[in-house]
Amino acid sequence: MDFIVAIDGPAGAGKGTITKLVGQKLGLVNIDTGATFRCVALNMIQKHIELQEEEKIKEILDKIDIEMDSYGKVFLNGEEVTNRIRENDVNNFVSPVSVLPIIRNKLLQVQRKIAEGKNVIMEGRDIGTVVFPNADVKIYLDATPEERARRRMLQNEEKGIKASYEEILKGIQDRDKRDSTREIAPLKKAEDAIYIDSTNLSIEQVVEKIIEIIKNKKYVH
């Protein structure tokens, strides 16, 4: 029987890192749904497609090929884009891209298909509310905007992506506002999700908290 762990939360809350580590420790398949939206956003940037050009968007969705390997690498139409989809132009474009119904509907099918027949851990903005409302475990992972900006800046430095703290903080605050107020699948905590504020917790502490929650739900590795 499938076992599904849904981890939602705002940009920069550490969902990707935490999900990967928990998945490795418990043998859960890690599916990064945010990366699927980022791939669409990047494809639109590459082809100079605007948000209102629905026919052109439909064309790329019909042809798009998104793959993820067990090492966390992301491939768009055969090209590795793991770091590229985290750069500022994609960061600034992915939120308005992700609210378009034509894109959400397509990627919802993709995400559910990836998870079929597997024990998975999946992170995003609406996993516990829309993608898998019947998930076995739902976590809402949060942190202050300032702490999330600090973490994102460190990640960018490691990847050689240049952006100031102020620029990153403003981007996160703008993203929070867009994600929480959008009409379609807004960022919100599922009623039955467990809230974790990671602002003053180490990565290891958050991982252990989530592993304990999952084991309490009778998941056996």
Protein backbone atom coordinates (compact mmCIF):
# COMPACT_ATOMS: atom_id res chain seq x y z
CA MET A 1 0.00 0.00 0.00
CA ASP A 2 1.25 3.50 -0.84
CA PHE A 3 2.44 5.69 2.04
CA ILE A 4 2.52 9.42 1.37
CA VAL A 5 4.17 12.19 3.39
CA ALA A 6 3.24 15.75 2.36
CA ILE A 7 5.44 18.66 3.40
CA ASP A 8 4.16 22.15 2.63
CA GLY A 9 5.45 25.59 3.50
CA PRO A 10 6.65 28.93 2.14
CA ALA A 11 9.70 29.62 -0.02
CA GLY A 12 13.01 29.10 1.75
CA ALA A 13 11.61 27.14 4.71
CA GLY A 14 14.04 24.30 4.03
CA LYS A 15 11.48 21.89 2.59
CA GLY A 16 13.80 20.59 -0.13
CA THR A 17 16.71 19.83 2.20
CA ILE A 18 14.53 18.34 4.93
CA THR A 19 12.49 16.22 2.51
CA LYS A 20 15.61 14.80 0.91
CA LEU A 21 17.17 13.84 4.26
CA VAL A 22 13.99 12.30 5.69
CA GLY A 23 13.47 10.38 2.45
CA GLN A 24 17.00 8.98 2.59
CA LYS A 25 16.68 7.92 6.23
CA LEU A 26 13.28 6.25 5.81
CA GLY A 27 13.58 4.91 2.28
CA LEU A 28 10.88 7.20 0.90
CA VAL A 29 10.99 8.36 -2.72
CA ASN A 30 11.55 12.13 -2.76
CA ILE A 31 9.46 14.03 -5.31
CA ASP A 32 10.16 17.78 -5.63
CA THR A 33 6.95 19.24 -7.05
CA GLY A 34 8.29 22.78 -6.95
CA ALA A 35 10.96 21.74 -9.43
CA THR A 36 8.27 20.73 -11.92
CA PHE A 37 6.81 24.25 -11.86
CA ARG A 38 10.30 25.73 -12.07
CA CYS A 39 10.97 23.65 -15.17
CA VAL A 40 7.86 25.02 -16.86
CA ALA A 41 8.85 28.58 -15.86
CA LEU A 42 12.36 28.07 -17.27
CA ASN A 43 10.99 26.58 -20.50
CA MET A 44 8.76 29.64 -20.91
CA ILE A 45 11.73 31.95 -20.28
CA GLN A 46 13.83 30.05 -22.81
CA LYS A 47 11.10 30.35 -25.45
CA HIS A 48 10.12 33.95 -24.52
CA ILE A 49 6.54 32.94 -23.76
CA GLU A 50 4.40 35.38 -21.77
CA LEU A 51 1.82 34.42 -19.13
CA GLN A 52 -1.12 35.39 -21.34
CA GLU A 53 0.01 33.29 -24.34
CA GLU A 54 -2.09 30.23 -23.51
CA GLU A 55 -1.75 28.50 -26.88
CA LYS A 56 2.05 28.67 -26.74
CA ILE A 57 1.99 27.44 -23.13
CA LYS A 58 -0.18 24.50 -24.18
CA GLU A 59 2.31 23.67 -26.92
CA ILE A 60 5.25 23.41 -24.52
CA LEU A 61 3.19 21.44 -21.98
CA ASP A 62 2.33 18.89 -24.66
CA LYS A 63 6.03 18.34 -25.38
CA ILE A 64 7.71 19.00 -22.02
CA ASP A 65 9.77 16.20 -20.46
CA ILE A 66 10.64 16.57 -16.77
CA GLU A 67 12.70 13.94 -14.99
CA MET A 68 14.29 13.63 -11.55
CA ASP A 69 16.92 11.09 -10.54
CA SER A 70 17.61 9.55 -7.13
CA TYR A 71 20.43 12.04 -6.52
CA GLY A 72 18.14 15.06 -6.69
CA LYS A 73 19.15 16.16 -10.17
CA VAL A 74 16.44 17.70 -12.35
CA PHE A 75 16.29 17.37 -16.12
CA LEU A 76 14.25 19.48 -18.52
CA ASN A 77 13.90 18.05 -22.02
CA GLY A 78 17.07 16.03 -21.54
CA GLU A 79 19.19 18.87 -20.12
CA GLU A 80 20.24 19.03 -16.47
CA VAL A 81 18.80 22.22 -14.91
CA THR A 82 19.18 21.49 -11.18
CA ASN A 83 20.90 24.81 -10.40
CA ARG A 84 19.50 26.79 -13.31
CA ILE A 85 15.91 26.53 -12.02
CA ARG A 86 17.00 28.15 -8.71
CA GLU A 87 18.34 31.34 -10.30
CA ASN A 88 16.65 34.71 -9.79
CA ASP A 89 14.82 34.97 -13.11
CA VAL A 90 13.09 31.65 -12.46
CA ASN A 91 12.49 32.54 -8.77
CA ASN A 92 10.70 35.72 -9.82
CA PHE A 93 8.64 34.02 -12.55
CA VAL A 94 7.61 30.71 -11.02
CA SER A 95 4.88 32.04 -8.68
CA PRO A 96 2.70 33.64 -11.42
CA VAL A 97 3.42 30.63 -13.65
CA SER A 98 2.27 28.20 -10.96
CA VAL A 99 -1.21 29.72 -10.61
CA LEU A 100 -2.17 29.24 -14.25
CA PRO A 101 -4.88 26.52 -14.37
CA ILE A 102 -3.54 24.98 -17.59
CA ILE A 103 -0.13 24.44 -15.94
CA ARG A 104 -1.46 23.28 -12.56
CA ASN A 105 -3.78 20.74 -14.17
CA LYS A 106 -1.00 19.28 -16.31
CA LEU A 107 1.54 19.06 -13.47
CA LEU A 108 -1.01 17.69 -11.01
CA GLN A 109 -1.35 14.67 -13.30
CA VAL A 110 2.44 14.40 -13.61
CA GLN A 111 2.98 14.57 -9.83
CA ARG A 112 0.32 11.98 -8.99
CA LYS A 113 1.60 9.62 -11.68
CA ILE A 114 5.17 9.84 -10.32
CA ALA A 115 3.89 8.80 -6.87
CA GLU A 116 1.79 5.81 -7.99
CA GLY A 117 2.66 2.57 -6.23
CA LYS A 118 5.46 4.12 -4.16
CA ASN A 119 6.12 5.21 -0.59
CA VAL A 120 6.85 8.87 -1.18
CA ILE A 121 7.71 12.13 0.53
CA MET A 122 6.64 15.16 -1.47
CA GLU A 123 7.12 18.85 -0.81
CA GLY A 124 5.53 21.96 -2.24
CA ARG A 125 2.87 24.59 -1.52
CA ASP A 126 -0.33 22.55 -1.83
CA ILE A 127 0.61 18.89 -1.43
CA GLY A 128 -1.51 18.29 1.68
CA THR A 129 -4.39 20.46 0.48
CA VAL A 130 -4.65 19.70 -3.27
CA VAL A 131 -2.21 17.12 -4.65
CA PHE A 132 -2.64 14.51 -1.89
CA PRO A 133 -5.37 15.66 0.51
CA ASN A 134 -5.49 12.10 1.91
CA ALA A 135 -1.75 11.91 2.62
CA ASP A 136 -0.81 9.71 5.59
CA VAL A 137 1.32 12.47 7.14
CA LYS A 138 1.03 16.23 6.58
CA ILE A 139 3.64 18.71 7.79
CA TYR A 140 3.60 22.51 7.44
CA LEU A 141 7.22 23.66 7.70
CA ASP A 142 7.76 27.35 8.40
CA ALA A 143 10.37 29.91 9.50
CA THR A 144 10.52 33.71 9.69
CA PRO A 145 11.08 35.56 6.38
CA GLU A 146 14.42 36.86 7.70
CA GLU A 147 15.68 33.37 8.54
CA ARG A 148 14.47 31.99 5.22
CA ALA A 149 16.29 34.78 3.37
CA ARG A 150 19.48 34.04 5.32
CA ARG A 151 19.28 30.36 4.41
CA ARG A 152 18.55 31.07 0.76
CA MET A 153 21.52 33.44 0.58
CA LEU A 154 23.84 30.72 1.94
CA GLN A 155 22.46 28.24 -0.59
CA ASN A 156 23.02 30.71 -3.41
CA GLU A 157 26.60 31.34 -2.30
CA GLU A 158 27.32 27.61 -2.34
CA LYS A 159 25.96 27.38 -5.89
CA GLY A 160 27.71 30.53 -7.08
CA ILE A 161 24.44 32.45 -7.55
CA LYS A 162 24.87 36.16 -6.79
CA ALA A 163 22.10 38.03 -4.95
CA SER A 164 22.09 40.39 -1.97
CA TYR A 165 20.32 39.57 1.32
CA GLU A 166 17.95 42.51 0.81
CA GLU A 167 17.08 41.34 -2.69
CA ILE A 168 16.42 37.79 -1.47
CA LEU A 169 14.34 38.96 1.52
CA LYS A 170 12.16 41.16 -0.68
CA GLY A 171 11.71 38.30 -3.14
CA ILE A 172 10.61 35.97 -0.33
CA GLN A 173 8.18 38.52 1.12
CA ASP A 174 6.68 39.18 -2.32
CA ARG A 175 6.46 35.44 -2.98
CA ASP A 176 4.71 34.85 0.37
CA LYS A 177 2.11 37.47 -0.47
CA ARG A 178 1.48 36.10 -3.97
CA ASP A 179 1.37 32.47 -2.85
CA SER A 180 -0.99 33.03 0.10
CA THR A 181 -3.44 35.32 -1.71
CA ARG A 182 -3.72 33.60 -5.10
CA GLU A 183 -7.15 32.25 -6.02
CA ILE A 184 -6.03 28.81 -7.19
CA ALA A 185 -4.40 26.46 -4.64
CA PRO A 186 -3.14 29.17 -2.27
CA LEU A 187 -0.34 28.42 0.17
CA LYS A 188 -2.03 27.45 3.43
CA LYS A 189 -1.72 24.92 6.22
CA ALA A 190 -4.00 21.91 5.83
CA GLU A 191 -6.34 21.59 8.80
CA ASP A 192 -4.83 18.26 9.83
CA ALA A 193 -1.18 19.23 9.17
CA ILE A 194 1.37 19.41 11.98
CA TYR A 195 3.01 22.85 12.18
CA ILE A 196 6.78 23.03 12.66
CA ASP A 197 8.57 26.37 13.08
CA SER A 198 12.19 25.70 12.11
CA THR A 199 13.51 29.24 12.75
CA ASN A 200 15.54 28.22 15.80
CA LEU A 201 16.01 24.55 14.95
CA SER A 202 18.93 22.86 13.22
CA ILE A 203 18.36 20.76 10.13
CA GLU A 204 19.03 17.63 12.20
CA GLN A 205 16.42 18.63 14.80
CA VAL A 206 13.75 19.19 12.15
CA VAL A 207 14.58 15.87 10.47
CA GLU A 208 14.30 13.99 13.76
CA LYS A 209 10.97 15.68 14.59
CA ILE A 210 9.49 14.67 11.24
CA ILE A 211 10.84 11.10 11.43
CA GLU A 212 9.21 10.72 14.85
CA ILE A 213 5.88 11.97 13.46
CA ILE A 214 6.07 9.55 10.52
CA LYS A 215 6.93 6.57 12.74
CA ASN A 216 4.00 7.43 15.02
CA LYS A 217 1.79 6.99 11.94
CA LYS A 218 2.94 3.35 11.84
CA TYR A 219 5.23 3.73 8.82
CA VAL A 220 7.83 0.95 8.97
CA HIS A 221 11.02 1.31 6.91
